[in-house]
Amino acid sequence: MMSRAGTTAAPPKPSKAELAAAVHKVVPDLVAPNLTVLFCGINPGLYTAAIGHHFGRPGNRFWPALHGAGFTPRLFKPWEEHELLPLGYGITNMVPRTTAAASALRPEEYVAGGARLAHLVRTCTPRVVAFLGIGAYRTAFGRPKAQLGLQPEPLEGRRLWALPSPSGLNANHQLSDLIAMLRALRLWVESPAARDR
């Protein structure tokens, strides 16, 4: 389990050839022990893998939603992701395989990804896991009726929130929806009741 030192320089926009080649890349976890929140995406997209930074595609709403919800003091760029660690936040993906869209993943990959996530949670012991993709969460953990928000079932003894995917391809939720749900998570995490759990 290694965190990555980052750079604040914006990476160049990937070419079509670099995007095509990104299918063979893996985006490393951004983790540390005892995080407050471990954010978990579904899997890296081609643009994200090509630039090597989580939620990197222009139009992905993770970074604006994170800032709008009050998790970050300013709007971070994907290549500034390392600045999350001092704030107590990390990022991983349920499935490490890069695809053009999450719909290319097979159900068994979600299940294996759920086991991978559980192992990571045992290792780095975050206080809360925030899973960004309710459909993938339902498939990975066999909970077809799971609803958005705090889940009744913990993950390796850690509380788990299921949230919408911030992908720009997710038309079911607007940026304002994502901000509201992430703000609810932040307020819950900061509440005395959550700190005592």
Protein backbone atom coordinates (compact mmCIF):
# COMPACT_ATOMS: atom_id res chain seq x y z
CA MET A 1 0.00 0.00 0.00
CA MET A 2 1.74 3.11 -1.20
CA SER A 3 0.67 6.66 -1.61
CA ARG A 4 1.93 8.66 -4.54
CA ALA A 5 3.75 11.94 -4.47
CA GLY A 6 2.10 14.16 -7.01
CA THR A 7 2.88 17.06 -9.20
CA THR A 8 0.89 20.22 -9.63
CA ALA A 9 1.73 20.49 -13.35
CA ALA A 10 -1.16 19.73 -15.67
CA PRO A 11 -0.43 16.72 -17.87
CA PRO A 12 -0.73 17.21 -21.63
CA LYS A 13 -4.00 16.22 -23.25
CA PRO A 14 -3.64 12.61 -24.40
CA SER A 15 -3.63 11.84 -28.11
CA LYS A 16 -6.00 9.31 -29.66
CA ALA A 17 -3.17 6.79 -29.71
CA GLU A 18 -2.40 7.42 -26.03
CA LEU A 19 -6.08 6.99 -25.13
CA ALA A 20 -6.18 3.69 -27.02
CA ALA A 21 -3.01 2.50 -25.29
CA ALA A 22 -4.38 3.50 -21.86
CA VAL A 23 -6.50 0.35 -21.75
CA HIS A 24 -3.34 -1.42 -20.57
CA LYS A 25 -2.63 1.04 -17.73
CA VAL A 26 -3.59 0.87 -14.08
CA VAL A 27 -4.10 3.97 -11.94
CA PRO A 28 -2.42 3.38 -8.55
CA ASP A 29 -4.39 3.77 -5.34
CA LEU A 30 -4.02 7.02 -3.44
CA VAL A 31 -4.15 5.69 0.11
CA ALA A 32 -2.62 5.96 3.56
CA PRO A 33 -3.38 4.33 6.91
CA ASN A 34 -6.34 5.55 8.96
CA LEU A 35 -7.97 7.81 6.39
CA THR A 36 -11.15 9.61 7.34
CA VAL A 37 -12.81 8.78 4.01
CA LEU A 38 -11.69 6.40 1.29
CA PHE A 39 -13.47 7.33 -1.95
CA CYS A 40 -13.91 4.35 -4.25
CA GLY A 41 -14.68 4.75 -7.94
CA ILE A 42 -15.90 1.96 -10.19
CA ASN A 43 -12.87 1.68 -12.51
CA PRO A 44 -10.57 4.00 -14.46
CA GLY A 45 -11.67 5.35 -17.81
CA LEU A 46 -9.28 5.73 -20.73
CA TYR A 47 -8.61 9.43 -20.17
CA THR A 48 -7.99 8.92 -16.45
CA ALA A 49 -5.56 6.08 -17.12
CA ALA A 50 -3.82 8.01 -19.88
CA ILE A 51 -3.01 10.93 -17.58
CA GLY A 52 -2.51 8.69 -14.52
CA HIS A 53 -4.78 10.62 -12.15
CA HIS A 54 -8.13 9.61 -10.62
CA PHE A 55 -11.35 11.08 -12.02
CA GLY A 56 -9.21 12.76 -14.67
CA ARG A 57 -11.57 13.06 -17.61
CA PRO A 58 -12.81 16.58 -18.32
CA GLY A 59 -16.49 16.57 -17.47
CA ASN A 60 -16.12 14.18 -14.54
CA ARG A 61 -17.83 15.86 -11.62
CA PHE A 62 -15.91 14.31 -8.72
CA TRP A 63 -13.57 17.24 -8.07
CA PRO A 64 -16.22 20.00 -8.36
CA ALA A 65 -18.62 17.98 -6.18
CA LEU A 66 -15.92 17.33 -3.58
CA HIS A 67 -15.17 21.02 -3.33
CA GLY A 68 -18.83 22.05 -3.44
CA ALA A 69 -19.55 19.69 -0.55
CA GLY A 70 -16.79 21.24 1.56
CA PHE A 71 -14.26 18.39 1.51
CA THR A 72 -11.56 20.54 -0.10
CA PRO A 73 -10.68 24.19 0.55
CA ARG A 74 -10.58 24.91 -3.19
CA LEU A 75 -11.27 23.11 -6.45
CA PHE A 76 -8.48 20.59 -6.90
CA LYS A 77 -7.42 19.40 -10.33
CA PRO A 78 -7.00 15.64 -10.83
CA TRP A 79 -3.21 16.02 -10.91
CA GLU A 80 -3.37 17.61 -7.45
CA GLU A 81 -4.96 14.48 -5.98
CA HIS A 82 -2.02 13.94 -3.61
CA GLU A 83 -3.23 16.99 -1.67
CA LEU A 84 -6.17 14.90 -0.44
CA LEU A 85 -3.99 12.72 1.78
CA PRO A 86 -3.10 15.45 4.33
CA LEU A 87 -6.84 16.18 4.56
CA GLY A 88 -7.51 12.54 5.47
CA TYR A 89 -8.99 11.40 2.15
CA GLY A 90 -7.88 8.79 -0.34
CA ILE A 91 -9.03 7.30 -3.64
CA THR A 92 -9.18 3.78 -5.02
CA ASN A 93 -11.17 1.89 -7.64
CA MET A 94 -13.23 -1.23 -7.13
CA VAL A 95 -12.01 -2.71 -10.42
CA PRO A 96 -8.49 -1.76 -11.51
CA ARG A 97 -9.07 -2.64 -15.20
CA THR A 98 -9.29 0.40 -17.46
CA THR A 99 -12.22 0.56 -19.90
CA ALA A 100 -13.83 3.15 -22.14
CA ALA A 101 -16.99 2.87 -20.00
CA ALA A 102 -17.92 1.01 -16.81
CA SER A 103 -20.59 -0.86 -18.81
CA ALA A 104 -17.74 -2.91 -20.33
CA LEU A 105 -17.09 -4.58 -16.97
CA ARG A 106 -18.46 -8.05 -16.29
CA PRO A 107 -20.46 -8.89 -13.14
CA GLU A 108 -17.72 -11.21 -11.92
CA GLU A 109 -15.26 -8.31 -12.10
CA TYR A 110 -17.47 -6.34 -9.74
CA VAL A 111 -17.57 -9.26 -7.30
CA ALA A 112 -13.79 -9.68 -7.45
CA GLY A 113 -13.45 -5.91 -7.06
CA GLY A 114 -15.61 -6.03 -3.94
CA ALA A 115 -13.22 -8.59 -2.45
CA ARG A 116 -10.26 -6.39 -3.46
CA LEU A 117 -11.87 -3.37 -1.80
CA ALA A 118 -12.56 -5.34 1.38
CA HIS A 119 -8.89 -6.35 1.54
CA LEU A 120 -7.77 -2.74 1.05
CA VAL A 121 -10.13 -1.57 3.79
CA ARG A 122 -8.71 -4.18 6.18
CA THR A 123 -5.22 -2.94 5.35
CA CYS A 124 -5.60 0.83 5.53
CA THR A 125 -8.59 1.02 7.96
CA PRO A 126 -10.40 4.15 6.77
CA ARG A 127 -13.15 5.41 9.05
CA VAL A 128 -15.66 5.54 6.16
CA VAL A 129 -15.74 4.12 2.64
CA ALA A 130 -17.63 6.23 0.10
CA PHE A 131 -18.48 4.15 -2.95
CA LEU A 132 -19.18 6.22 -6.07
CA GLY A 133 -21.51 4.07 -8.17
CA ILE A 134 -24.65 2.59 -6.64
CA GLY A 135 -25.23 0.03 -9.42
CA ALA A 136 -21.72 -1.35 -9.17
CA TYR A 137 -22.03 -1.48 -5.38
CA ARG A 138 -25.25 -3.50 -5.64
CA THR A 139 -23.62 -5.97 -8.03
CA ALA A 140 -20.32 -6.31 -6.17
CA PHE A 141 -21.87 -7.01 -2.78
CA GLY A 142 -25.07 -8.79 -3.83
CA ARG A 143 -27.33 -6.02 -2.48
CA PRO A 144 -29.76 -5.35 -5.35
CA LYS A 145 -32.04 -3.18 -3.23
CA ALA A 146 -29.34 -0.94 -1.74
CA GLN A 147 -30.29 2.73 -1.74
CA LEU A 148 -28.10 5.82 -1.88
CA GLY A 149 -26.62 7.00 1.41
CA LEU A 150 -25.36 5.30 4.56
CA GLN A 151 -25.56 1.52 4.24
CA PRO A 152 -26.79 -0.67 7.08
CA GLU A 153 -24.05 -3.22 6.38
CA PRO A 154 -20.48 -2.19 7.22
CA LEU A 155 -17.50 -3.20 5.10
CA GLU A 156 -14.84 -4.90 7.19
CA GLY A 157 -16.19 -3.09 10.23
CA ARG A 158 -16.12 0.31 8.51
CA ARG A 159 -19.17 2.38 7.70
CA LEU A 160 -20.01 2.57 4.03
CA TRP A 161 -21.87 5.17 1.99
CA ALA A 162 -23.13 4.46 -1.53
CA LEU A 163 -23.26 7.50 -3.79
CA PRO A 164 -23.91 8.11 -7.50
CA SER A 165 -21.11 7.86 -9.99
CA PRO A 166 -19.69 11.34 -10.73
CA SER A 167 -19.03 10.39 -14.35
CA GLY A 168 -20.31 12.87 -16.89
CA LEU A 169 -21.98 9.86 -18.54
CA ASN A 170 -24.29 9.48 -15.53
CA ALA A 171 -27.33 11.50 -16.55
CA ASN A 172 -29.43 10.37 -13.57
CA HIS A 173 -27.80 12.85 -11.18
CA GLN A 174 -26.76 16.43 -11.74
CA LEU A 175 -23.78 18.16 -10.12
CA SER A 176 -26.09 19.75 -7.55
CA ASP A 177 -27.33 16.26 -6.56
CA LEU A 178 -23.78 15.00 -6.12
CA ILE A 179 -22.83 18.02 -4.04
CA ALA A 180 -25.85 17.56 -1.77
CA MET A 181 -25.11 13.87 -1.22
CA LEU A 182 -21.42 14.43 -0.61
CA ARG A 183 -22.24 17.26 1.78
CA ALA A 184 -24.52 14.89 3.72
CA LEU A 185 -21.60 12.45 3.92
CA ARG A 186 -19.23 15.18 5.13
CA LEU A 187 -21.64 16.40 7.79
CA TRP A 188 -22.19 12.83 8.96
CA VAL A 189 -18.43 12.18 9.11
CA GLU A 190 -17.92 15.36 11.13
CA SER A 191 -20.77 14.63 13.54
CA PRO A 192 -19.97 13.47 17.10
CA ALA A 193 -22.04 10.34 16.55
CA ALA A 194 -19.90 9.30 13.58
CA ARG A 195 -16.63 10.04 15.41
CA ASP A 196 -17.70 7.74 18.22
CA ARG A 197 -18.29 4.78 15.89
